[in-house]
PDB file of N, CA and C in Angstrom:
ATOM      1  N   MET A   1      30.721 -60.872 -31.790  1.00  0.00           N
ATOM      2  CA  MET A   1      31.288 -59.444 -32.042  1.00  0.00           C
ATOM      3  C   MET A   1      30.657 -58.590 -31.247  1.00  0.00           C
ATOM      4  N   VAL A   2      29.144 -58.493 -32.184  1.00  0.00           N
ATOM      5  CA  VAL A   2      28.497 -57.152 -31.691  1.00  0.00           C
ATOM      6  C   VAL A   2      28.101 -57.855 -30.382  1.00  0.00           C
ATOM      7  N   LEU A   3      27.899 -58.667 -30.084  1.00  0.00           N
ATOM      8  CA  LEU A   3      27.868 -59.070 -28.315  1.00  0.00           C
ATOM      9  C   LEU A   3      28.287 -58.720 -27.434  1.00  0.00           C
ATOM     10  N   LEU A   4      29.965 -58.765 -27.668  1.00  0.00           N
ATOM     11  CA  LEU A   4      30.639 -58.645 -26.969  1.00  0.00           C
ATOM     12  C   LEU A   4      30.642 -57.036 -26.852  1.00  0.00           C
ATOM     13  N   VAL A   5      30.413 -56.218 -28.149  1.00  0.00           N
ATOM     14  CA  VAL A   5      30.859 -55.176 -27.728  1.00  0.00           C
ATOM     15  C   VAL A   5      29.701 -54.602 -26.808  1.00  0.00           C
ATOM     16  N   SER A   6      28.732 -54.743 -26.826  1.00  0.00           N
ATOM     17  CA  SER A   6      26.960 -54.688 -25.944  1.00  0.00           C
ATOM     18  C   SER A   6      27.446 -54.417 -24.990  1.00  0.00           C
ATOM     19  N   LEU A   7      27.841 -55.798 -24.597  1.00  0.00           N
ATOM     20  CA  LEU A   7      28.115 -56.321 -23.124  1.00  0.00           C
ATOM     21  C   LEU A   7      29.638 -55.727 -22.760  1.00  0.00           C
ATOM     22  N   ILE A   8      30.359 -55.087 -22.993  1.00  0.00           N
ATOM     23  CA  ILE A   8      31.216 -54.493 -22.702  1.00  0.00           C
ATOM     24  C   ILE A   8      31.257 -52.894 -22.647  1.00  0.00           C
ATOM     25  N   LEU A   9      30.251 -52.054 -23.119  1.00  0.00           N
ATOM     26  CA  LEU A   9      29.033 -50.598 -23.056  1.00  0.00           C
ATOM     27  C   LEU A   9      28.629 -51.004 -21.897  1.00  0.00           C
ATOM     28  N   LEU A  10      27.915 -52.342 -21.711  1.00  0.00           N
ATOM     29  CA  LEU A  10      26.952 -51.833 -20.689  1.00  0.00           C
ATOM     30  C   LEU A  10      27.461 -52.217 -19.129  1.00  0.00           C
ATOM     31  N   LEU A  11      28.644 -52.699 -19.334  1.00  0.00           N
ATOM     32  CA  LEU A  11      29.372 -52.992 -17.959  1.00  0.00           C
ATOM     33  C   LEU A  11      29.687 -51.323 -17.911  1.00  0.00           C
ATOM     34  N   LEU A  12      30.179 -50.623 -18.970  1.00  0.00           N
ATOM     35  CA  LEU A  12      31.165 -49.431 -18.627  1.00  0.00           C
ATOM     36  C   LEU A  12      29.438 -48.647 -18.342  1.00  0.00           C
ATOM     37  N   LEU A  13      28.520 -48.532 -18.840  1.00  0.00           N
ATOM     38  CA  LEU A  13      27.414 -47.759 -18.030  1.00  0.00           C
ATOM     39  C   LEU A  13      26.774 -47.841 -16.529  1.00  0.00           C
ATOM     40  N   THR A  14      27.285 -49.379 -16.665  1.00  0.00           N
ATOM     41  CA  THR A  14      26.972 -49.942 -15.209  1.00  0.00           C
ATOM     42  C   THR A  14      27.921 -49.000 -14.218  1.00  0.00           C
ATOM     43  N   ILE A  15      29.090 -49.031 -14.180  1.00  0.00           N
ATOM     44  CA  ILE A  15      30.331 -48.773 -13.277  1.00  0.00           C
ATOM     45  C   ILE A  15      30.148 -47.102 -13.689  1.00  0.00           C
ATOM     46  N   LEU A  16      29.680 -46.218 -14.304  1.00  0.00           N
ATOM     47  CA  LEU A  16      29.318 -45.111 -13.992  1.00  0.00           C
ATOM     48  C   LEU A  16      27.937 -44.788 -13.136  1.00  0.00           C
ATOM     49  N   ALA A  17      27.308 -45.204 -13.857  1.00  0.00           N
ATOM     50  CA  ALA A  17      26.083 -45.430 -12.692  1.00  0.00           C
ATOM     51  C   ALA A  17      26.222 -45.138 -11.261  1.00  0.00           C
ATOM     52  N   ILE A  18      27.102 -46.583 -10.792  1.00  0.00           N
ATOM     53  CA  ILE A  18      27.420 -46.717  -9.716  1.00  0.00           C
ATOM     54  C   ILE A  18      28.233 -45.626  -8.967  1.00  0.00           C
ATOM     55  N   THR A  19      29.324 -44.549  -9.794  1.00  0.00           N
ATOM     56  CA  THR A  19      29.871 -43.856  -9.224  1.00  0.00           C
ATOM     57  C   THR A  19      29.253 -41.857  -9.241  1.00  0.00           C
ATOM     58  N   ALA A  20      28.340 -42.784 -10.090  1.00  0.00           N
ATOM     59  CA  ALA A  20      27.286 -40.875 -10.025  1.00  0.00           C
ATOM     60  C   ALA A  20      26.299 -41.034  -8.747  1.00  0.00           C
ATOM     61  N   ALA A  21      25.970 -42.262  -8.407  1.00  0.00           N
ATOM     62  CA  ALA A  21      25.062 -42.506  -7.419  1.00  0.00           C
ATOM     63  C   ALA A  21      25.855 -42.366  -6.303  1.00  0.00           C
ATOM     64  N   SER A  22      26.814 -43.192  -6.163  1.00  0.00           N
ATOM     65  CA  SER A  22      28.048 -42.814  -4.783  1.00  0.00           C
ATOM     66  C   SER A  22      28.163 -41.063  -4.454  1.00  0.00           C
ATOM     67  N   THR A  23      29.004 -40.833  -5.293  1.00  0.00           N
ATOM     68  CA  THR A  23      29.183 -39.383  -5.475  1.00  0.00           C
ATOM     69  C   THR A  23      27.774 -38.561  -5.211  1.00  0.00           C
ATOM     70  N   SER A  24      26.736 -38.742  -5.422  1.00  0.00           N
ATOM     71  CA  SER A  24      25.641 -38.137  -5.190  1.00  0.00           C
ATOM     72  C   SER A  24      25.039 -38.216  -3.950  1.00  0.00           C
ATOM     73  N   SER A  25      25.636 -39.259  -3.189  1.00  0.00           N
ATOM     74  CA  SER A  25      25.121 -39.651  -2.324  1.00  0.00           C
ATOM     75  C   SER A  25      25.760 -39.396  -0.928  1.00  0.00           C
ATOM     76  N   LEU A  26      27.063 -38.723  -1.271  1.00  0.00           N
ATOM     77  CA  LEU A  26      28.479 -38.036  -0.536  1.00  0.00           C
ATOM     78  C   LEU A  26      27.852 -36.120  -0.418  1.00  0.00           C
ATOM     79  N   GLN A  27      27.460 -36.010  -1.641  1.00  0.00           N
ATOM     80  CA  GLN A  27      27.293 -34.608  -1.204  1.00  0.00           C
ATOM     81  C   GLN A  27      26.021 -34.239  -0.378  1.00  0.00           C
ATOM     82  N   GLN A  28      25.359 -35.047  -0.523  1.00  0.00           N
ATOM     83  CA  GLN A  28      24.015 -35.160   0.077  1.00  0.00           C
ATOM     84  C   GLN A  28      24.196 -35.231   1.985  1.00  0.00           C
ATOM     85  N   ARG A  29      25.342 -35.906   1.957  1.00  0.00           N
ATOM     86  CA  ARG A  29      25.650 -35.977   3.379  1.00  0.00           C
ATOM     87  C   ARG A  29      26.506 -34.987   4.145  1.00  0.00           C
ATOM     88  N   MET A  30      27.386 -34.269   2.872  1.00  0.00           N
ATOM     89  CA  MET A  30      28.165 -33.193   3.175  1.00  0.00           C
ATOM     90  C   MET A  30      27.013 -31.463   3.045  1.00  0.00           C
ATOM     91  N   ALA A  31      26.140 -31.531   2.254  1.00  0.00           N
ATOM     92  CA  ALA A  31      24.990 -30.699   2.880  1.00  0.00           C
ATOM     93  C   ALA A  31      24.173 -30.877   3.705  1.00  0.00           C
ATOM     94  N   ASN A  32      24.097 -32.129   4.249  1.00  0.00           N
ATOM     95  CA  ASN A  32      23.323 -32.188   5.848  1.00  0.00           C
ATOM     96  C   ASN A  32      24.183 -32.239   6.821  1.00  0.00           C
ATOM     97  N   ASN A  33      25.447 -32.262   6.846  1.00  0.00           N
ATOM     98  CA  ASN A  33      26.264 -31.736   7.807  1.00  0.00           C
ATOM     99  C   ASN A  33      26.302 -30.271   7.280  1.00  0.00           C
ATOM    100  N   ALA A  34      26.212 -29.785   6.383  1.00  0.00           N
ATOM    101  CA  ALA A  34      26.404 -27.892   6.437  1.00  0.00           C
ATOM    102  C   ALA A  34      25.135 -27.754   7.301  1.00  0.00           C
ATOM    103  N   GLN A  35      24.226 -28.439   7.543  1.00  0.00           N
ATOM    104  CA  GLN A  35      22.720 -27.290   7.897  1.00  0.00           C
ATOM    105  C   GLN A  35      22.774 -27.561   8.524  1.00  0.00           C
ATOM    106  N   GLU A  36      23.029 -28.677   9.359  1.00  0.00           N
ATOM    107  CA  GLU A  36      23.027 -28.974  10.802  1.00  0.00           C
ATOM    108  C   GLU A  36      24.243 -27.824  11.739  1.00  0.00           C
ATOM    109  N   GLN A  37      25.417 -28.016  10.901  1.00  0.00           N
ATOM    110  CA  GLN A  37      26.490 -26.986  11.856  1.00  0.00           C
ATOM    111  C   GLN A  37      25.544 -25.804  11.916  1.00  0.00           C
ATOM    112  N   ASN A  38      25.004 -25.203  10.956  1.00  0.00           N
ATOM    113  CA  ASN A  38      24.328 -24.150  10.665  1.00  0.00           C
ATOM    114  C   ASN A  38      23.123 -24.395  11.856  1.00  0.00           C
ATOM    115  N   THR A  39      22.380 -24.899  12.149  1.00  0.00           N
ATOM    116  CA  THR A  39      21.569 -25.166  13.407  1.00  0.00           C
ATOM    117  C   THR A  39      21.893 -25.038  14.418  1.00  0.00           C
ATOM    118  N   ALA A  40      23.326 -25.687  14.943  1.00  0.00           N
ATOM    119  CA  ALA A  40      24.022 -25.272  15.851  1.00  0.00           C
ATOM    120  C   ALA A  40      24.783 -23.835  15.714  1.00  0.00           C
ATOM    121  N   PHE A  41      24.996 -23.395  15.307  1.00  0.00           N
ATOM    122  CA  PHE A  41      25.529 -22.126  15.463  1.00  0.00           C
ATOM    123  C   PHE A  41      24.259 -20.507  15.311  1.00  0.00           C
ATOM    124  N   GLN A  42      22.984 -21.236  14.924  1.00  0.00           N
ATOM    125  CA  GLN A  42      21.855 -20.130  15.542  1.00  0.00           C
ATOM    126  C   GLN A  42      21.445 -20.463  16.479  1.00  0.00           C
ATOM    127  N   ALA A  43      21.345 -21.932  16.867  1.00  0.00           N
ATOM    128  CA  ALA A  43      21.082 -21.439  18.297  1.00  0.00           C
ATOM    129  C   ALA A  43      21.596 -21.397  19.672  1.00  0.00           C
ATOM    130  N   ALA A  44      23.559 -21.275  18.911  1.00  0.00           N
ATOM    131  CA  ALA A  44      24.553 -20.772  20.247  1.00  0.00           C
ATOM    132  C   ALA A  44      24.133 -19.281  19.930  1.00  0.00           C
ATOM    133  N   GLU A  45      23.932 -18.776  18.830  1.00  0.00           N
ATOM    134  CA  GLU A  45      23.671 -17.085  18.897  1.00  0.00           C
ATOM    135  C   GLU A  45      22.151 -17.241  19.793  1.00  0.00           C
ATOM    136  N   SER A  46      21.337 -17.599  18.970  1.00  0.00           N
ATOM    137  CA  SER A  46      19.900 -17.596  20.170  1.00  0.00           C
ATOM    138  C   SER A  46      20.423 -17.500  22.008  1.00  0.00           C
ATOM    139  N   GLY A  47      21.087 -18.687  22.239  1.00  0.00           N
ATOM    140  CA  GLY A  47      21.310 -18.858  23.783  1.00  0.00           C
ATOM    141  C   GLY A  47      21.994 -16.886  24.407  1.00  0.00           C
ATOM    142  N   LEU A  48      22.958 -16.575  23.229  1.00  0.00           N
ATOM    143  CA  LEU A  48      23.580 -15.399  23.730  1.00  0.00           C
ATOM    144  C   LEU A  48      22.408 -14.191  23.602  1.00  0.00           C
ATOM    145  N   ALA A  49      21.645 -14.483  22.720  1.00  0.00           N
ATOM    146  CA  ALA A  49      20.557 -13.450  22.632  1.00  0.00           C
ATOM    147  C   ALA A  49      19.753 -13.293  23.730  1.00  0.00           C
ATOM    148  N   THR A  50      19.759 -14.672  24.572  1.00  0.00           N
ATOM    149  CA  THR A  50      18.494 -14.478  24.943  1.00  0.00           C
ATOM    150  C   THR A  50      19.022 -14.500  26.671  1.00  0.00           C
ATOM    151  N   TRP A  51      20.399 -14.657  26.784  1.00  0.00           N
ATOM    152  CA  TRP A  51      20.907 -13.964  27.930  1.00  0.00           C
ATOM    153  C   TRP A  51      20.796 -12.483  27.810  1.00  0.00           C
ATOM    154  N   LEU A  52      21.176 -11.617  26.504  1.00  0.00           N
ATOM    155  CA  LEU A  52      21.479 -11.026  27.061  1.00  0.00           C
ATOM    156  C   LEU A  52      19.809 -10.309  27.226  1.00  0.00           C
ATOM    157  N   THR A  53      19.147 -10.631  26.455  1.00  0.00           N
ATOM    158  CA  THR A  53      17.601 -10.063  26.858  1.00  0.00           C
ATOM    159  C   THR A  53      17.160 -10.238  28.616  1.00  0.00           C
ATOM    160  N   LEU A  54      17.597 -11.549  28.801  1.00  0.00           N
ATOM    161  CA  LEU A  54      17.627 -11.658  30.427  1.00  0.00           C
ATOM    162  C   LEU A  54      17.958 -10.230  31.314  1.00  0.00           C
ATOM    163  N   PHE A  55      19.103 -10.296  31.042  1.00  0.00           N
ATOM    164  CA  PHE A  55      20.232  -9.193  31.612  1.00  0.00           C
ATOM    165  C   PHE A  55      19.653  -7.579  31.495  1.00  0.00           C
ATOM    166  N   LEU A  56      19.358  -7.503  30.314  1.00  0.00           N
ATOM    167  CA  LEU A  56      18.580  -6.276  30.009  1.00  0.00           C
ATOM    168  C   LEU A  56      17.106  -5.525  30.442  1.00  0.00           C
ATOM    169  N   SER A  57      16.347  -6.989  30.424  1.00  0.00           N
ATOM    170  CA  SER A  57      15.157  -6.874  31.399  1.00  0.00           C
ATOM    171  C   SER A  57      15.006  -6.793  33.123  1.00  0.00           C
ATOM    172  N   GLU A  58      16.753  -6.931  33.709  1.00  0.00           N
ATOM    173  CA  GLU A  58      17.143  -7.259  34.798  1.00  0.00           C
ATOM    174  C   GLU A  58      16.044  -8.473  35.189  1.00  0.00           C
ATOM    175  N   THR A  59      15.740  -9.182  34.995  1.00  0.00           N
ATOM    176  CA  THR A  59      15.790 -10.748  34.937  1.00  0.00           C
ATOM    177  C   THR A  59      16.316 -11.477  35.945  1.00  0.00           C
ATOM    178  N   ALA A  60      16.389 -11.941  36.998  1.00  0.00           N
ATOM    179  CA  ALA A  60      17.088 -12.779  37.345  1.00  0.00           C
ATOM    180  C   ALA A  60      17.933 -14.081  36.870  1.00  0.00           C
ATOM    181  N   ILE A  61      19.274 -13.810  36.066  1.00  0.00           N
ATOM    182  CA  ILE A  61      19.298 -14.758  35.290  1.00  0.00           C
ATOM    183  C   ILE A  61      20.443 -16.350  36.332  1.00  0.00           C
ATOM    184  N   PRO A  62      19.864 -17.266  35.812  1.00  0.00           N
ATOM    185  CA  PRO A  62      20.131 -18.512  36.507  1.00  0.00           C
ATOM    186  C   PRO A  62      21.744 -18.725  36.214  1.00  0.00           C
ATOM    187  N   ALA A  63      23.101 -18.941  37.196  1.00  0.00           N
ATOM    188  CA  ALA A  63      24.172 -19.396  36.757  1.00  0.00           C
ATOM    189  C   ALA A  63      24.189 -20.478  35.730  1.00  0.00           C
ATOM    190  N   SER A  64      23.509 -21.064  35.592  1.00  0.00           N
ATOM    191  CA  SER A  64      23.561 -21.887  34.160  1.00  0.00           C
ATOM    192  C   SER A  64      21.958 -22.584  33.694  1.00  0.00           C
ATOM    193  N   TRP A  65      21.870 -22.263  32.671  1.00  0.00           N
ATOM    194  CA  TRP A  65      20.133 -22.492  31.718  1.00  0.00           C
ATOM    195  C   TRP A  65      20.529 -23.431  30.556  1.00  0.00           C
ATOM    196  N   GLN A  66      19.249 -24.365  30.572  1.00  0.00           N
ATOM    197  CA  GLN A  66      19.426 -24.681  29.239  1.00  0.00           C
ATOM    198  C   GLN A  66      17.849 -25.046  28.733  1.00  0.00           C
ATOM    199  N   ASN A  67      17.940 -24.352  27.308  1.00  0.00           N
ATOM    200  CA  ASN A  67      16.629 -24.858  27.143  1.00  0.00           C
ATOM    201  C   ASN A  67      16.266 -26.005  25.974  1.00  0.00           C
ATOM    202  N   ALA A  68      15.298 -26.605  25.908  1.00  0.00           N
ATOM    203  CA  ALA A  68      15.285 -28.042  25.133  1.00  0.00           C
ATOM    204  C   ALA A  68      14.626 -27.822  23.962  1.00  0.00           C
ATOM    205  N   GLY A  69      14.982 -27.238  22.746  1.00  0.00           N
ATOM    206  CA  GLY A  69      14.318 -27.613  21.174  1.00  0.00           C
ATOM    207  C   GLY A  69      13.391 -28.174  20.327  1.00  0.00           C
ATOM    208  N   ALA A  70      13.241 -28.062  20.149  1.00  0.00           N
ATOM    209  CA  ALA A  70      12.616 -29.307  18.995  1.00  0.00           C
ATOM    210  C   ALA A  70      14.062 -30.121  18.626  1.00  0.00           C
ATOM    211  N   ASN A  71      14.930 -29.468  17.840  1.00  0.00           N
ATOM    212  CA  ASN A  71      16.233 -30.368  17.475  1.00  0.00           C
ATOM    213  C   ASN A  71      17.567 -30.044  17.901  1.00  0.00           C
ATOM    214  N   ALA A  72      17.832 -28.582  18.916  1.00  0.00           N
ATOM    215  CA  ALA A  72      18.923 -28.497  19.067  1.00  0.00           C
ATOM    216  C   ALA A  72      18.802 -27.938  20.234  1.00  0.00           C
ATOM    217  N   GLN A  73      19.982 -27.695  21.247  1.00  0.00           N
ATOM    218  CA  GLN A  73      19.526 -27.332  22.472  1.00  0.00           C
ATOM    219  C   GLN A  73      20.915 -26.362  22.432  1.00  0.00           C
ATOM    220  N   PHE A  74      20.514 -25.476  24.243  1.00  0.00           N
ATOM    221  CA  PHE A  74      21.969 -24.213  23.997  1.00  0.00           C
ATOM    222  C   PHE A  74      21.562 -24.711  25.217  1.00  0.00           C
ATOM    223  N   GLN A  75      22.895 -24.271  25.954  1.00  0.00           N
ATOM    224  CA  GLN A  75      23.446 -23.904  27.504  1.00  0.00           C
ATOM    225  C   GLN A  75      24.097 -23.079  27.434  1.00  0.00           C
ATOM    226  N   LEU A  76      23.873 -22.050  28.498  1.00  0.00           N
ATOM    227  CA  LEU A  76      24.659 -20.753  28.974  1.00  0.00           C
ATOM    228  C   LEU A  76      25.169 -21.188  30.346  1.00  0.00           C
ATOM    229  N   ALA A  77      26.150 -20.265  30.295  1.00  0.00           N
ATOM    230  CA  ALA A  77      26.888 -20.226  31.654  1.00  0.00           C
ATOM    231  C   ALA A  77      27.813 -18.359  31.591  1.00  0.00           C
ATOM    232  N   THR A  78      27.408 -18.027  32.783  1.00  0.00           N
ATOM    233  CA  THR A  78      27.880 -17.211  33.472  1.00  0.00           C
ATOM    234  C   THR A  78      29.064 -17.087  33.404  1.00  0.00           C
ATOM    235  N   GLU A  79      30.401 -17.131  33.393  1.00  0.00           N
ATOM    236  CA  GLU A  79      31.475 -17.564  33.585  1.00  0.00           C
ATOM    237  C   GLU A  79      32.129 -16.788  34.187  1.00  0.00           C
ATOM    238  N   GLN A  80      32.055 -15.783  34.051  1.00  0.00           N
ATOM    239  CA  GLN A  80      32.924 -14.909  35.053  1.00  0.00           C
ATOM    240  C   GLN A  80      31.880 -13.140  35.328  1.00  0.00           C
ATOM    241  N   GLN A  81      32.314 -12.909  36.560  1.00  0.00           N
ATOM    242  CA  GLN A  81      31.422 -11.041  36.991  1.00  0.00           C
ATOM    243  C   GLN A  81      32.802 -10.543  37.468  1.00  0.00           C
ATOM    244  N   ALA A  82      33.013  -9.804  36.666  1.00  0.00           N
ATOM    245  CA  ALA A  82      34.366  -8.869  37.752  1.00  0.00           C
ATOM    246  C   ALA A  82      34.173  -7.755  37.541  1.00  0.00           C
ATOM    247  N   HIS A  83      34.376  -6.776  38.248  1.00  0.00           N
ATOM    248  CA  HIS A  83      35.086  -5.603  38.312  1.00  0.00           C
ATOM    249  C   HIS A  83      35.943  -4.802  37.208  1.00  0.00           C
ATOM    250  N   CYS A  84      36.105  -3.973  36.905  1.00  0.00           N
ATOM    251  CA  CYS A  84      36.824  -3.996  35.523  1.00  0.00           C
ATOM    252  C   CYS A  84      36.939  -2.081  35.041  1.00  0.00           C
ATOM    253  N   VAL A  85      38.230  -1.764  35.285  1.00  0.00           N
ATOM    254  CA  VAL A  85      38.587  -0.344  34.950  1.00  0.00           C
ATOM    255  C   VAL A  85      38.042   0.170  33.730  1.00  0.00           C
ATOM    256  N   ALA A  86      37.767   1.060  33.330  1.00  0.00           N
ATOM    257  CA  ALA A  86      37.261   1.706  32.553  1.00  0.00           C
ATOM    258  C   ALA A  86      38.269   1.648  31.420  1.00  0.00           C
ATOM    259  N   GLY A  87      37.606   1.768  30.359  1.00  0.00           N
ATOM    260  CA  GLY A  87      38.874   1.750  29.057  1.00  0.00           C
ATOM    261  C   GLY A  87      38.849   2.598  28.702  1.00  0.00           C
ATOM    262  N   SER A  88      39.198   3.161  26.925  1.00  0.00           N
ATOM    263  CA  SER A  88      40.274   4.239  26.686  1.00  0.00           C
ATOM    264  C   SER A  88      39.269   5.704  26.951  1.00  0.00           C
ATOM    265  N   ILE A  89      37.933   4.970  27.050  1.00  0.00           N
ATOM    266  CA  ILE A  89      36.962   6.304  26.731  1.00  0.00           C
ATOM    267  C   ILE A  89      36.955   7.010  27.820  1.00  0.00           C
ATOM    268  N   GLY A  90      36.820   6.258  29.407  1.00  0.00           N
ATOM    269  CA  GLY A  90      36.614   6.698  30.193  1.00  0.00           C
ATOM    270  C   GLY A  90      37.909   7.338  31.145  1.00  0.00           C
ATOM    271  N   VAL A  91      39.405   6.879  30.574  1.00  0.00           N
ATOM    272  CA  VAL A  91      40.150   6.384  31.643  1.00  0.00           C
ATOM    273  C   VAL A  91      40.681   8.242  32.421  1.00  0.00           C
ATOM    274  N   GLY A  92      40.816   7.708  33.851  1.00  0.00           N
ATOM    275  CA  GLY A  92      40.608   8.977  34.306  1.00  0.00           C
ATOM    276  C   GLY A  92      39.500   9.301  35.112  1.00  0.00           C
ATOM    277  N   SER A  93      38.541   8.813  34.357  1.00  0.00           N
ATOM    278  CA  SER A  93      37.208   9.322  34.643  1.00  0.00           C
ATOM    279  C   SER A  93      36.121   8.606  36.279  1.00  0.00           C
ATOM    280  N   GLY A  94      37.040   7.062  36.527  1.00  0.00           N
ATOM    281  CA  GLY A  94      36.587   7.097  37.933  1.00  0.00           C
ATOM    282  C   GLY A  94      34.858   5.929  38.054  1.00  0.00           C
ATOM    283  N   PHE A  95      34.890   5.395  36.651  1.00  0.00           N
ATOM    284  CA  PHE A  95      33.954   4.568  36.090  1.00  0.00           C
ATOM    285  C   PHE A  95      34.466   3.484  36.604  1.00  0.00           C
ATOM    286  N   ILE A  96      33.267   2.553  36.959  1.00  0.00           N
ATOM    287  CA  ILE A  96      33.409   1.167  37.469  1.00  0.00           C
ATOM    288  C   ILE A  96      32.162   0.103  36.735  1.00  0.00           C
ATOM    289  N   PHE A  97      32.818  -0.636  35.812  1.00  0.00           N
ATOM    290  CA  PHE A  97      32.365  -1.550  34.777  1.00  0.00           C
ATOM    291  C   PHE A  97      32.225  -2.493  35.889  1.00  0.00           C
ATOM    292  N   ASP A  98      30.610  -3.788  35.570  1.00  0.00           N
ATOM    293  CA  ASP A  98      31.047  -4.635  35.752  1.00  0.00           C
ATOM    294  C   ASP A  98      31.018  -5.672  34.290  1.00  0.00           C
ATOM    295  N   CYS A  99      32.034  -6.757  34.135  1.00  0.00           N
ATOM    296  CA  CYS A  99      32.767  -6.938  33.125  1.00  0.00           C
ATOM    297  C   CYS A  99      31.551  -8.863  33.240  1.00  0.00           C
ATOM    298  N   TYR A 100      31.389  -8.873  31.859  1.00  0.00           N
ATOM    299  CA  TYR A 100      30.521 -10.397  32.137  1.00  0.00           C
ATOM    300  C   TYR A 100      31.069 -11.289  30.676  1.00  0.00           C
ATOM    301  N   HIS A 101      31.386 -12.540  31.243  1.00  0.00           N
ATOM    302  CA  HIS A 101      32.111 -13.226  29.661  1.00  0.00           C
ATOM    303  C   HIS A 101      30.878 -14.584  29.674  1.00  0.00           C
ATOM    304  N   THR A 102      30.352 -14.400  28.771  1.00  0.00           N
ATOM    305  CA  THR A 102      29.016 -15.629  28.919  1.00  0.00           C
ATOM    306  C   THR A 102      29.684 -16.529  27.695  1.00  0.00           C
ATOM    307  N   THR A 103      29.229 -17.836  27.652  1.00  0.00           N
ATOM    308  CA  THR A 103      29.728 -18.648  26.726  1.00  0.00           C
ATOM    309  C   THR A 103      28.411 -19.139  26.585  1.00  0.00           C
ATOM    310  N   SER A 104      28.312 -19.918  25.119  1.00  0.00           N
ATOM    311  CA  SER A 104      26.783 -20.761  24.862  1.00  0.00           C
ATOM    312  C   SER A 104      27.101 -22.133  24.389  1.00  0.00           C
ATOM    313  N   ASP A 105      26.632 -23.075  24.392  1.00  0.00           N
ATOM    314  CA  ASP A 105      27.094 -24.318  23.672  1.00  0.00           C
ATOM    315  C   ASP A 105      25.967 -24.900  23.247  1.00  0.00           C
ATOM    316  N   ALA A 106      25.709 -25.193  22.112  1.00  0.00           N
ATOM    317  CA  ALA A 106      24.741 -25.741  21.248  1.00  0.00           C
ATOM    318  C   ALA A 106      25.375 -26.899  21.052  1.00  0.00           C
ATOM    319  N   ARG A 107      24.018 -27.180  20.751  1.00  0.00           N
ATOM    320  CA  ARG A 107      24.417 -29.374  20.445  1.00  0.00           C
ATOM    321  C   ARG A 107      23.228 -29.389  19.400  1.00  0.00           C
ATOM    322  N   THR A 108      23.237 -30.086  18.266  1.00  0.00           N
ATOM    323  CA  THR A 108      21.661 -30.677  17.650  1.00  0.00           C
ATOM    324  C   THR A 108      21.781 -32.493  18.276  1.00  0.00           C
ATOM    325  N   ASP A 109      20.827 -32.473  17.679  1.00  0.00           N
ATOM    326  CA  ASP A 109      19.833 -34.139  17.622  1.00  0.00           C
ATOM    327  C   ASP A 109      21.324 -34.700  17.290  1.00  0.00           C
ATOM    328  N   THR A 110      21.662 -34.225  16.073  1.00  0.00           N
ATOM    329  CA  THR A 110      22.728 -35.320  15.108  1.00  0.00           C
ATOM    330  C   THR A 110      24.310 -35.263  15.878  1.00  0.00           C
ATOM    331  N   GLY A 111      24.411 -34.281  16.948  1.00  0.00           N
ATOM    332  CA  GLY A 111      25.969 -33.965  17.250  1.00  0.00           C
ATOM    333  C   GLY A 111      26.714 -33.047  16.751  1.00  0.00           C
ATOM    334  N   ALA A 112      26.068 -32.222  15.935  1.00  0.00           N
ATOM    335  CA  ALA A 112      26.845 -30.881  15.727  1.00  0.00           C
ATOM    336  C   ALA A 112      26.886 -29.898  16.587  1.00  0.00           C
ATOM    337  N   ARG A 113      28.270 -29.436  17.300  1.00  0.00           N
ATOM    338  CA  ARG A 113      27.993 -28.492  18.100  1.00  0.00           C
ATOM    339  C   ARG A 113      29.139 -26.804  17.528  1.00  0.00           C
ATOM    340  N   SER A 114      28.387 -26.070  18.787  1.00  0.00           N
ATOM    341  CA  SER A 114      28.846 -24.912  18.226  1.00  0.00           C
ATOM    342  C   SER A 114      29.080 -24.148  19.838  1.00  0.00           C
ATOM    343  N   ARG A 115      29.992 -23.368  19.991  1.00  0.00           N
ATOM    344  CA  ARG A 115      30.501 -22.514  21.040  1.00  0.00           C
ATOM    345  C   ARG A 115      30.439 -21.347  20.578  1.00  0.00           C
ATOM    346  N   HIS A 116      29.754 -20.571  21.679  1.00  0.00           N
ATOM    347  CA  HIS A 116      30.436 -19.068  21.605  1.00  0.00           C
ATOM    348  C   HIS A 116      30.323 -18.273  22.553  1.00  0.00           C
ATOM    349  N   GLN A 117      31.103 -16.780  22.623  1.00  0.00           N
ATOM    350  CA  GLN A 117      31.560 -16.475  23.714  1.00  0.00           C
ATOM    351  C   GLN A 117      31.224 -14.785  23.613  1.00  0.00           C
ATOM    352  N   MET A 118      30.741 -14.211  24.000  1.00  0.00           N
ATOM    353  CA  MET A 118      30.412 -12.861  24.599  1.00  0.00           C
ATOM    354  C   MET A 118      30.890 -12.487  25.480  1.00  0.00           C
ATOM    355  N   GLY A 119      31.007 -11.355  25.539  1.00  0.00           N
ATOM    356  CA  GLY A 119      31.626 -10.354  26.611  1.00  0.00           C
ATOM    357  C   GLY A 119      30.757  -9.039  27.132  1.00  0.00           C
ATOM    358  N   TYR A 120      30.176  -8.786  27.861  1.00  0.00           N
ATOM    359  CA  TYR A 120      29.276  -7.785  27.986  1.00  0.00           C
ATOM    360  C   TYR A 120      30.053  -6.800  29.364  1.00  0.00           C
ATOM    361  N   MET A 121      29.709  -5.462  28.834  1.00  0.00           N
ATOM    362  CA  MET A 121      30.553  -4.255  29.979  1.00  0.00           C
ATOM    363  C   MET A 121      29.225  -3.712  30.775  1.00  0.00           C
ATOM    364  N   THR A 122      28.592  -3.079  31.484  1.00  0.00           N
ATOM    365  CA  THR A 122      27.860  -2.230  32.120  1.00  0.00           C
ATOM    366  C   THR A 122      28.264  -1.500  33.127  1.00  0.00           C
ATOM    367  N   ARG A 123      28.093  -0.455  33.034  1.00  0.00           N
ATOM    368  CA  ARG A 123      28.783   0.874  33.719  1.00  0.00           C
ATOM    369  C   ARG A 123      27.777   1.176  35.520  1.00  0.00           C
ATOM    370  N   LEU A 124      28.498   1.144  36.491  1.00  0.00           N
ATOM    371  CA  LEU A 124      28.346   0.885  37.810  1.00  0.00           C
ATOM    372  C   LEU A 124      27.667   1.955  38.429  1.00  0.00           C
ATOM    373  N   GLY A 125      26.409   2.181  39.184  1.00  0.00           N
ATOM    374  CA  GLY A 125      26.253   3.839  39.709  1.00  0.00           C
ATOM    375  C   GLY A 125      25.788   4.719  38.231  1.00  0.00           C
ATOM    376  N   GLN A 126      25.044   4.369  37.325  1.00  0.00           N
ATOM    377  CA  GLN A 126      24.432   4.904  36.651  1.00  0.00           C
ATOM    378  C   GLN A 126      23.251   5.899  36.906  1.00  0.00           C
TER     379      GLN A 126
END
């Protein structure tokens, strides 16, 4: 009788250990996915910051640009450059602006992706 109770307790402890191990594995995968998504987010933001730095330094900006990082890459594309009218601050002032719409697509080695878009306006004839 004692042997039977001991075997049942051993079986219950084994089932409990297997469940705990699988739960731990799932939590580890979830944490890794969150970290990879954060890496893709930072790479996309880095792409937009790179575009802005090149633009403000008046360096020629290619239509499309891609970096090759260690574990994440971003690709930039300036989709639209157009003259736009002044906003509420410059209504009736006759200012003309160039409006840029830039997209940064980032991807990590594991497949996490992030797309960020940024608009930028600069006044012409300053």
